């Protein structure tokens, strides 16, 4: 098996996992996705804020 075949296999398995988890427990899947997106959004917001403060202090 080469790297491309393994990559395709893992992609298909990931898609199948998401579809099955949504099919069996839609409300739980939405809750997990919401928590994940909130965490990513919070991280990006914090990173932008700290980057902005850093650049402001760098300029002075």
PDB file of N, CA and C in Angstrom:
ATOM      1  N   UNK A   1       0.848  -1.188   0.000  1.00  0.00           N
ATOM      2  CA  UNK A   1       0.000   0.000   0.000  1.00  0.00           C
ATOM      3  C   UNK A   1       0.888   1.244   0.000  1.00  0.00           C
ATOM      4  N   UNK A   2       0.568   2.140  -0.895  1.00  0.00           N
ATOM      5  CA  UNK A   2       1.323   3.382  -0.896  1.00  0.00           C
ATOM      6  C   UNK A   2       0.594   4.448  -0.078  1.00  0.00           C
ATOM      7  N   UNK A   3       1.224   5.592   0.052  1.00  0.00           N
ATOM      8  CA  UNK A   3       0.702   6.653   0.907  1.00  0.00           C
ATOM      9  C   UNK A   3      -0.647   7.168   0.408  1.00  0.00           C
ATOM     10  N   UNK A   4      -0.827   7.292  -0.890  1.00  0.00           N
ATOM     11  CA  UNK A   4      -2.093   7.795  -1.450  1.00  0.00           C
ATOM     12  C   UNK A   4      -3.252   6.855  -1.137  1.00  0.00           C
ATOM     13  N   UNK A   5      -3.024   5.563  -1.198  1.00  0.00           N
ATOM     14  CA  UNK A   5      -4.069   4.596  -0.886  1.00  0.00           C
ATOM     15  C   UNK A   5      -4.464   4.672   0.589  1.00  0.00           C
ATOM     16  N   UNK A   6      -3.474   4.794   1.450  1.00  0.00           N
ATOM     17  CA  UNK A   6      -3.753   4.914   2.886  1.00  0.00           C
ATOM     18  C   UNK A   6      -4.511   6.201   3.167  1.00  0.00           C
ATOM     19  N   UNK A   7      -4.127   7.284   2.503  1.00  0.00           N
ATOM     20  CA  UNK A   7      -4.812   8.563   2.688  1.00  0.00           C
ATOM     21  C   UNK A   7      -6.274   8.474   2.259  1.00  0.00           C
ATOM     22  N   UNK A   8      -6.544   7.845   1.128  1.00  0.00           N
ATOM     23  CA  UNK A   8      -7.925   7.670   0.663  1.00  0.00           C
ATOM     24  C   UNK A   8      -8.720   6.802   1.625  1.00  0.00           C
ATOM     25  N   UNK A   9      -8.107   5.730   2.105  1.00  0.00           N
ATOM     26  CA  UNK A   9      -8.779   4.829   3.034  1.00  0.00           C
ATOM     27  C   UNK A   9      -9.148   5.548   4.329  1.00  0.00           C
ATOM     28  N   UNK A  10      -8.227   6.319   4.874  1.00  0.00           N
ATOM     29  CA  UNK A  10      -8.508   7.068   6.101  1.00  0.00           C
ATOM     30  C   UNK A  10      -9.574   8.136   5.878  1.00  0.00           C
ATOM     31  N   UNK A  11      -9.583   8.752   4.708  1.00  0.00           N
ATOM     32  CA  UNK A  11     -10.611   9.745   4.388  1.00  0.00           C
ATOM     33  C   UNK A  11     -11.988   9.091   4.348  1.00  0.00           C
ATOM     34  N   UNK A  12     -12.089   7.952   3.673  1.00  0.00           N
ATOM     35  CA  UNK A  12     -13.369   7.248   3.583  1.00  0.00           C
ATOM     36  C   UNK A  12     -13.838   6.753   4.952  1.00  0.00           C
ATOM     37  N   UNK A  13     -12.910   6.276   5.767  1.00  0.00           N
ATOM     38  CA  UNK A  13     -13.273   5.831   7.111  1.00  0.00           C
ATOM     39  C   UNK A  13     -13.751   7.000   7.971  1.00  0.00           C
ATOM     40  N   UNK A  14     -13.115   8.156   7.827  1.00  0.00           N
ATOM     41  CA  UNK A  14     -13.534   9.340   8.583  1.00  0.00           C
ATOM     42  C   UNK A  14     -14.927   9.781   8.177  1.00  0.00           C
ATOM     43  N   UNK A  15     -15.195   9.789   6.884  1.00  0.00           N
ATOM     44  CA  UNK A  15     -16.517  10.174   6.389  1.00  0.00           C
ATOM     45  C   UNK A  15     -17.570   9.182   6.878  1.00  0.00           C
ATOM     46  N   UNK A  16     -17.253   7.897   6.826  1.00  0.00           N
ATOM     47  CA  UNK A  16     -18.191   6.881   7.296  1.00  0.00           C
ATOM     48  C   UNK A  16     -18.459   7.039   8.791  1.00  0.00           C
ATOM     49  N   UNK A  17     -17.432   7.338   9.562  1.00  0.00           N
ATOM     50  CA  UNK A  17     -17.612   7.542  10.996  1.00  0.00           C
ATOM     51  C   UNK A  17     -18.543   8.721  11.278  1.00  0.00           C
ATOM     52  N   UNK A  18     -18.351   9.816  10.571  1.00  0.00           N
ATOM     53  CA  UNK A  18     -19.203  10.997  10.774  1.00  0.00           C
ATOM     54  C   UNK A  18     -20.643  10.687  10.397  1.00  0.00           C
ATOM     55  N   UNK A  19     -20.839  10.035   9.269  1.00  0.00           N
ATOM     56  CA  UNK A  19     -22.197   9.719   8.818  1.00  0.00           C
ATOM     57  C   UNK A  19     -22.886   8.781   9.805  1.00  0.00           C
ATOM     58  N   UNK A  20     -22.185   7.770  10.269  1.00  0.00           N
ATOM     59  CA  UNK A  20     -22.790   6.815  11.210  1.00  0.00           C
ATOM     60  C   UNK A  20     -23.087   7.485  12.547  1.00  0.00           C
ATOM     61  N   UNK A  21     -22.174   8.340  13.023  1.00  0.00           N
ATOM     62  CA  UNK A  21     -22.423   8.994  14.310  1.00  0.00           C
ATOM     63  C   UNK A  21     -23.585   9.970  14.226  1.00  0.00           C
ATOM     64  N   UNK A  22     -23.718  10.666  13.116  1.00  0.00           N
ATOM     65  CA  UNK A  22     -24.859  11.572  12.943  1.00  0.00           C
ATOM     66  C   UNK A  22     -26.143  10.764  12.821  1.00  0.00           C
ATOM     67  N   UNK A  23     -26.093   9.642  12.131  1.00  0.00           N
ATOM     68  CA  UNK A  23     -27.281   8.817  11.938  1.00  0.00           C
ATOM     69  C   UNK A  23     -27.768   8.231  13.258  1.00  0.00           C
ATOM     70  N   UNK A  24     -26.844   7.779  14.115  1.00  0.00           N
ATOM     71  CA  UNK A  24     -27.251   7.122  15.354  1.00  0.00           C
ATOM     72  C   UNK A  24     -27.612   8.099  16.465  1.00  0.00           C
ATOM     73  N   UNK A  25     -26.932   9.258  16.526  1.00  0.00           N
ATOM     74  CA  UNK A  25     -27.196  10.227  17.597  1.00  0.00           C
ATOM     75  C   UNK A  25     -27.028  11.649  17.059  1.00  0.00           C
ATOM     76  N   UNK A  26     -28.048  12.163  16.347  1.00  0.00           N
ATOM     77  CA  UNK A  26     -27.903  13.483  15.736  1.00  0.00           C
ATOM     78  C   UNK A  26     -27.688  14.601  16.756  1.00  0.00           C
ATOM     79  N   UNK A  27     -28.413  14.555  17.868  1.00  0.00           N
ATOM     80  CA  UNK A  27     -28.293  15.630  18.852  1.00  0.00           C
ATOM     81  C   UNK A  27     -26.910  15.618  19.514  1.00  0.00           C
ATOM     82  N   UNK A  28     -26.406  14.450  19.837  1.00  0.00           N
ATOM     83  CA  UNK A  28     -25.075  14.345  20.425  1.00  0.00           C
ATOM     84  C   UNK A  28     -23.993  14.785  19.464  1.00  0.00           C
ATOM     85  N   UNK A  29     -24.168  14.464  18.173  1.00  0.00           N
ATOM     86  CA  UNK A  29     -23.187  14.865  17.166  1.00  0.00           C
ATOM     87  C   UNK A  29     -23.158  16.378  16.998  1.00  0.00           C
ATOM     88  N   UNK A  30     -24.325  16.986  17.040  1.00  0.00           N
ATOM     89  CA  UNK A  30     -24.391  18.444  16.931  1.00  0.00           C
ATOM     90  C   UNK A  30     -23.729  19.088  18.150  1.00  0.00           C
ATOM     91  N   UNK A  31     -23.969  18.522  19.324  1.00  0.00           N
ATOM     92  CA  UNK A  31     -23.342  19.048  20.534  1.00  0.00           C
ATOM     93  C   UNK A  31     -21.825  18.958  20.472  1.00  0.00           C
ATOM     94  N   UNK A  32     -21.313  17.833  19.987  1.00  0.00           N
ATOM     95  CA  UNK A  32     -19.861  17.658  19.874  1.00  0.00           C
ATOM     96  C   UNK A  32     -19.276  18.627  18.850  1.00  0.00           C
ATOM     97  N   UNK A  33     -19.965  18.789  17.719  1.00  0.00           N
ATOM     98  CA  UNK A  33     -19.490  19.723  16.699  1.00  0.00           C
ATOM     99  C   UNK A  33     -19.524  21.154  17.221  1.00  0.00           C
ATOM    100  N   UNK A  34     -20.562  21.484  17.972  1.00  0.00           N
ATOM    101  CA  UNK A  34     -20.681  22.830  18.536  1.00  0.00           C
ATOM    102  C   UNK A  34     -19.542  23.101  19.512  1.00  0.00           C
ATOM    103  N   UNK A  35     -19.251  22.150  20.377  1.00  0.00           N
ATOM    104  CA  UNK A  35     -18.150  22.321  21.321  1.00  0.00           C
ATOM    105  C   UNK A  35     -16.814  22.484  20.602  1.00  0.00           C
ATOM    106  N   UNK A  36     -16.601  21.682  19.577  1.00  0.00           N
ATOM    107  CA  UNK A  36     -15.357  21.759  18.810  1.00  0.00           C
ATOM    108  C   UNK A  36     -15.217  23.113  18.126  1.00  0.00           C
ATOM    109  N   UNK A  37     -16.281  23.565  17.469  1.00  0.00           N
ATOM    110  CA  UNK A  37     -16.214  24.848  16.771  1.00  0.00           C
ATOM    111  C   UNK A  37     -16.063  26.011  17.743  1.00  0.00           C
ATOM    112  N   UNK A  38     -16.695  25.935  18.913  1.00  0.00           N
ATOM    113  CA  UNK A  38     -16.505  26.968  19.928  1.00  0.00           C
ATOM    114  C   UNK A  38     -15.057  27.014  20.403  1.00  0.00           C
ATOM    115  N   UNK A  39     -14.448  25.861  20.574  1.00  0.00           N
ATOM    116  CA  UNK A  39     -13.049  25.809  20.999  1.00  0.00           C
ATOM    117  C   UNK A  39     -12.122  26.395  19.933  1.00  0.00           C
ATOM    118  N   UNK A  40     -12.355  26.038  18.689  1.00  0.00           N
ATOM    119  CA  UNK A  40     -11.535  26.572  17.602  1.00  0.00           C
ATOM    120  C   UNK A  40     -11.728  28.083  17.479  1.00  0.00           C
ATOM    121  N   UNK A  41     -12.972  28.527  17.574  1.00  0.00           N
ATOM    122  CA  UNK A  41     -13.246  29.961  17.501  1.00  0.00           C
ATOM    123  C   UNK A  41     -12.622  30.725  18.653  1.00  0.00           C
ATOM    124  N   UNK A  42     -12.690  30.171  19.845  1.00  0.00           N
ATOM    125  CA  UNK A  42     -12.070  30.811  21.003  1.00  0.00           C
ATOM    126  C   UNK A  42     -10.568  30.897  20.857  1.00  0.00           C
ATOM    127  N   UNK A  43      -9.953  29.830  20.346  1.00  0.00           N
ATOM    128  CA  UNK A  43      -8.510  29.846  20.117  1.00  0.00           C
ATOM    129  C   UNK A  43      -8.128  30.908  19.099  1.00  0.00           C
ATOM    130  N   UNK A  44      -8.858  30.975  17.985  1.00  0.00           N
ATOM    131  CA  UNK A  44      -8.552  31.969  16.943  1.00  0.00           C
ATOM    132  C   UNK A  44      -8.743  33.384  17.479  1.00  0.00           C
ATOM    133  N   UNK A  45      -9.792  33.597  18.233  1.00  0.00           N
ATOM    134  CA  UNK A  45     -10.047  34.917  18.806  1.00  0.00           C
ATOM    135  C   UNK A  45      -8.921  35.329  19.750  1.00  0.00           C
ATOM    136  N   UNK A  46      -8.501  34.414  20.601  1.00  0.00           N
ATOM    137  CA  UNK A  46      -7.416  34.701  21.533  1.00  0.00           C
ATOM    138  C   UNK A  46      -6.112  34.951  20.782  1.00  0.00           C
ATOM    139  N   UNK A  47      -5.834  34.153  19.772  1.00  0.00           N
ATOM    140  CA  UNK A  47      -4.596  34.314  19.004  1.00  0.00           C
ATOM    141  C   UNK A  47      -4.574  35.667  18.294  1.00  0.00           C
ATOM    142  N   UNK A  48      -5.699  36.088  17.727  1.00  0.00           N
ATOM    143  CA  UNK A  48      -5.759  37.380  17.042  1.00  0.00           C
ATOM    144  C   UNK A  48      -5.580  38.514  18.038  1.00  0.00           C
ATOM    145  N   UNK A  49      -6.235  38.416  19.190  1.00  0.00           N
ATOM    146  CA  UNK A  49      -6.119  39.460  20.206  1.00  0.00           C
ATOM    147  C   UNK A  49      -4.681  39.573  20.707  1.00  0.00           C
ATOM    148  N   UNK A  50      -4.058  38.458  21.029  1.00  0.00           N
ATOM    149  CA  UNK A  50      -2.681  38.486  21.527  1.00  0.00           C
ATOM    150  C   UNK A  50      -1.710  38.943  20.440  1.00  0.00           C
ATOM    151  N   UNK A  51      -1.957  38.555  19.202  1.00  0.00           N
ATOM    152  CA  UNK A  51      -1.110  39.016  18.094  1.00  0.00           C
ATOM    153  C   UNK A  51      -1.220  40.513  17.891  1.00  0.00           C
ATOM    154  N   UNK A  52      -2.429  41.029  18.012  1.00  0.00           N
ATOM    155  CA  UNK A  52      -2.633  42.468  17.874  1.00  0.00           C
ATOM    156  C   UNK A  52      -1.937  43.231  18.985  1.00  0.00           C
ATOM    157  N   UNK A  53      -2.056  42.758  20.217  1.00  0.00           N
ATOM    158  CA  UNK A  53      -1.385  43.413  21.353  1.00  0.00           C
ATOM    159  C   UNK A  53       0.119  43.343  21.156  1.00  0.00           C
ATOM    160  N   UNK A  54       0.637  42.237  20.704  1.00  0.00           N
ATOM    161  CA  UNK A  54       2.073  42.090  20.464  1.00  0.00           C
ATOM    162  C   UNK A  54       2.546  43.100  19.416  1.00  0.00           C
ATOM    163  N   UNK A  55       1.823  43.202  18.314  1.00  0.00           N
ATOM    164  CA  UNK A  55       2.228  44.129  17.259  1.00  0.00           C
ATOM    165  C   UNK A  55       2.134  45.580  17.709  1.00  0.00           C
ATOM    166  N   UNK A  56       1.113  45.918  18.511  1.00  0.00           N
ATOM    167  CA  UNK A  56       1.002  47.268  19.034  1.00  0.00           C
ATOM    168  C   UNK A  56       2.185  47.594  19.931  1.00  0.00           C
ATOM    169  N   UNK A  57       2.547  46.666  20.815  1.00  0.00           N
ATOM    170  CA  UNK A  57       3.659  46.900  21.720  1.00  0.00           C
ATOM    171  C   UNK A  57       4.999  46.883  20.993  1.00  0.00           C
ATOM    172  N   UNK A  58       5.077  46.164  19.895  1.00  0.00           N
ATOM    173  CA  UNK A  58       6.297  46.122  19.102  1.00  0.00           C
ATOM    174  C   UNK A  58       6.541  47.448  18.420  1.00  0.00           C
ATOM    175  N   UNK A  59       5.470  48.122  18.003  1.00  0.00           N
ATOM    176  CA  UNK A  59       5.578  49.387  17.279  1.00  0.00           C
ATOM    177  C   UNK A  59       5.931  50.552  18.218  1.00  0.00           C
ATOM    178  N   UNK A  60       5.653  50.424  19.510  1.00  0.00           N
ATOM    179  CA  UNK A  60       5.941  51.532  20.422  1.00  0.00           C
ATOM    180  C   UNK A  60       7.295  51.420  21.047  1.00  0.00           C
TER     181      UNK A  60
END
